[in-house]
Amino acid sequence: MLLPKDVHPENSLYFNGAYIIQALSGGKSMGFMDLYLATRELRDMPIAIFVLALDWLFLATVVHDQSGNIELCS
């Protein structure tokens, strides 16, 4: 699902994770729903894809939880 062979790239976690990173760029720290809404302004994605992409970013240590808010790792 990260880079699937039989699915359009727009549905991959890698592609959608880039929009989450873009929403967090500039040192922003957001709660879950605020981040989802900010990401939806950039790309309309279902919440299920958003959660899977966000989980992937946590596992890859691209983002972390800081006092209940999500932010990019430095």
Protein backbone atom coordinates (compact mmCIF):
# COMPACT_ATOMS: atom_id res chain seq x y z
CA MET A 1 0.00 0.00 0.00
CA LEU A 2 2.98 2.31 0.34
CA LEU A 3 3.80 2.03 -3.34
CA PRO A 4 1.27 -0.43 -4.79
CA LYS A 5 1.68 -1.79 -8.28
CA ASP A 6 -2.00 -2.26 -9.09
CA VAL A 7 -3.45 0.95 -7.60
CA HIS A 8 -3.28 4.54 -8.76
CA PRO A 9 -0.43 6.43 -7.05
CA GLU A 10 -2.93 8.97 -5.69
CA ASN A 11 -4.26 6.23 -3.38
CA SER A 12 -0.89 5.27 -1.92
CA LEU A 13 0.14 6.11 1.63
CA TYR A 14 3.39 7.57 0.33
CA PHE A 15 1.55 10.08 -1.87
CA ASN A 16 -1.01 11.05 0.78
CA GLY A 17 1.64 11.23 3.50
CA ALA A 18 3.30 14.02 1.52
CA TYR A 19 0.15 16.13 1.91
CA ILE A 20 0.16 15.55 5.67
CA ILE A 21 3.78 16.67 5.80
CA GLN A 22 2.90 19.73 3.74
CA ALA A 23 0.09 20.60 6.16
CA LEU A 24 2.56 20.38 9.07
CA SER A 25 5.36 22.31 7.35
CA GLY A 26 6.58 25.54 8.87
CA GLY A 27 6.87 24.16 12.39
CA LYS A 28 3.12 23.81 12.91
CA SER A 29 1.75 21.61 15.68
CA MET A 30 -1.88 20.45 15.34
CA GLY A 31 -4.40 18.17 16.92
CA PHE A 32 -5.70 15.20 14.97
CA MET A 33 -8.88 16.78 13.57
CA ASP A 34 -7.18 20.12 12.86
CA LEU A 35 -4.50 18.28 10.91
CA TYR A 36 -7.12 16.30 9.01
CA LEU A 37 -9.00 19.46 8.07
CA ALA A 38 -5.78 21.24 7.03
CA THR A 39 -4.81 18.24 4.91
CA ARG A 40 -8.26 18.12 3.29
CA GLU A 41 -7.77 21.73 2.18
CA LEU A 42 -4.74 20.52 0.21
CA ARG A 43 -6.20 17.20 -1.00
CA ASP A 44 -9.60 15.63 -0.55
CA MET A 45 -8.86 12.26 1.04
CA PRO A 46 -11.03 9.90 3.06
CA ILE A 47 -10.30 9.78 6.78
CA ALA A 48 -9.36 6.09 6.50
CA ILE A 49 -6.52 6.90 4.07
CA PHE A 50 -5.52 9.85 6.26
CA VAL A 51 -5.25 7.64 9.35
CA LEU A 52 -3.24 4.97 7.51
CA ALA A 53 -0.88 7.59 6.04
CA LEU A 54 -0.49 9.26 9.45
CA ASP A 55 0.27 5.88 11.06
CA TRP A 56 2.91 5.28 8.41
CA LEU A 57 4.47 8.68 9.18
CA PHE A 58 4.56 7.82 12.90
CA LEU A 59 6.22 4.46 12.16
CA ALA A 60 8.76 6.14 9.88
CA THR A 61 9.44 8.70 12.67
CA VAL A 62 8.56 11.59 10.39
CA VAL A 63 5.99 12.92 12.87
CA HIS A 64 5.60 12.57 16.62
CA ASP A 65 3.12 13.40 19.37
CA GLN A 66 3.96 16.44 21.46
CA SER A 67 1.51 16.97 24.36
CA GLY A 68 -1.45 15.72 22.31
CA ASN A 69 -0.48 17.57 19.15
CA ILE A 70 1.14 16.14 16.05
CA GLU A 71 4.26 17.79 14.68
CA LEU A 72 7.17 17.01 12.38
CA CYS A 73 10.26 15.47 13.92
CA SER A 74 13.28 17.70 13.84
